[in-house]
Amino acid sequence: MAALEGDKTMNELATQFDVHPNQIKQGKDQLLDGMTDVFDDRPKAAKEPEIDVKSLHAKIGQLTLENDFSGEALGKAGLLGSANK
């Protein structure tokens, strides 16, 4: 915040806070870049969840096998309706 006030030079701030002047400059730049997000009126776009295609394919395969097995078992037991044979 002191870098934004502009009362002291980067070198004076670096000496006061015992850091390199580049760190003061980077911190100031990051703060200024972030301020646009804080005061932006536009609605933030919702982040799309990452989709794990591999696990979805595995789940589809598992459910297909279970469905096929259940259908065959019900068919053999004579419990499957005539429409599903």
Protein backbone atom coordinates (compact mmCIF):
# COMPACT_ATOMS: atom_id res chain seq x y z
CA MET A 1 0.00 0.00 0.00
CA ALA A 2 2.89 2.31 0.74
CA ALA A 3 4.07 1.95 -2.87
CA LEU A 4 0.67 3.13 -4.09
CA GLU A 5 0.74 6.21 -1.89
CA GLY A 6 3.82 7.49 -3.71
CA ASP A 7 5.25 9.32 -0.71
CA LYS A 8 8.53 7.41 -0.88
CA THR A 9 10.69 6.04 -3.69
CA MET A 10 10.96 2.32 -4.41
CA ASN A 11 14.47 2.34 -2.92
CA GLU A 12 13.25 4.00 0.28
CA LEU A 13 10.43 1.48 0.61
CA ALA A 14 12.82 -1.40 -0.09
CA THR A 15 15.11 -0.20 2.69
CA GLN A 16 12.19 0.36 5.08
CA PHE A 17 10.70 -3.11 4.52
CA ASP A 18 14.04 -4.87 3.97
CA VAL A 19 13.16 -6.23 0.52
CA HIS A 20 14.52 -5.76 -2.99
CA PRO A 21 13.05 -2.83 -4.98
CA ASN A 22 11.90 -5.30 -7.65
CA GLN A 23 9.66 -6.98 -5.06
CA ILE A 24 8.04 -3.63 -4.28
CA LYS A 25 7.46 -3.00 -8.01
CA GLN A 26 6.04 -6.50 -8.60
CA GLY A 27 3.73 -6.22 -5.62
CA LYS A 28 2.50 -2.83 -6.76
CA ASP A 29 1.90 -4.11 -10.31
CA GLN A 30 0.00 -7.16 -9.02
CA LEU A 31 -2.16 -4.98 -6.81
CA LEU A 32 -2.98 -2.60 -9.65
CA ASP A 33 -3.81 -5.49 -11.99
CA GLY A 34 -6.07 -7.05 -9.36
CA MET A 35 -7.93 -3.80 -8.72
CA THR A 36 -9.61 -3.99 -12.10
CA ASP A 37 -11.21 -7.28 -11.03
CA VAL A 38 -12.45 -5.79 -7.75
CA PHE A 39 -14.20 -2.81 -9.34
CA ASP A 40 -15.37 -4.54 -12.52
CA ASP A 41 -19.16 -4.42 -12.92
CA ARG A 42 -19.32 -7.29 -15.41
CA PRO A 43 -20.57 -10.59 -13.97
CA LYS A 44 -17.90 -13.20 -13.54
CA ALA A 45 -18.19 -16.21 -15.81
CA ALA A 46 -18.72 -19.41 -13.90
CA LYS A 47 -15.75 -21.69 -14.14
CA GLU A 48 -16.52 -24.89 -16.00
CA PRO A 49 -15.74 -27.96 -13.91
CA GLU A 50 -12.99 -30.09 -15.32
CA ILE A 51 -14.38 -33.25 -16.87
CA ASP A 52 -12.48 -36.47 -16.46
CA VAL A 53 -13.42 -38.22 -19.70
CA LYS A 54 -11.50 -41.38 -18.77
CA SER A 55 -13.52 -41.95 -15.61
CA LEU A 56 -16.78 -41.18 -17.43
CA HIS A 57 -15.96 -43.76 -20.12
CA ALA A 58 -15.11 -46.28 -17.41
CA LYS A 59 -18.43 -45.63 -15.66
CA ILE A 60 -20.35 -45.99 -18.94
CA GLY A 61 -18.62 -49.31 -19.58
CA GLN A 62 -19.38 -50.53 -16.06
CA LEU A 63 -23.06 -49.59 -16.32
CA THR A 64 -23.36 -51.20 -19.77
CA LEU A 65 -21.93 -54.46 -18.43
CA GLU A 66 -24.23 -54.40 -15.41
CA ASN A 67 -27.23 -53.66 -17.62
CA ASP A 68 -26.36 -56.46 -20.05
CA PHE A 69 -25.82 -58.92 -17.20
CA SER A 70 -29.10 -57.97 -15.51
CA GLY A 71 -30.99 -58.24 -18.78
CA GLU A 72 -29.60 -61.70 -19.49
CA ALA A 73 -30.27 -62.90 -15.95
CA LEU A 74 -33.86 -61.65 -16.03
CA GLY A 75 -34.37 -63.17 -19.49
CA LYS A 76 -33.16 -66.58 -18.31
CA ALA A 77 -35.40 -66.38 -15.27
CA GLY A 78 -38.36 -65.51 -17.47
CA LEU A 79 -38.89 -62.24 -15.63
CA LEU A 80 -38.06 -59.93 -18.52
CA GLY A 81 -41.09 -58.44 -20.27
CA SER A 82 -41.70 -59.46 -23.88
CA ALA A 83 -41.03 -55.88 -25.07
CA ASN A 84 -37.43 -56.00 -23.78
CA LYS A 85 -36.45 -59.41 -25.24
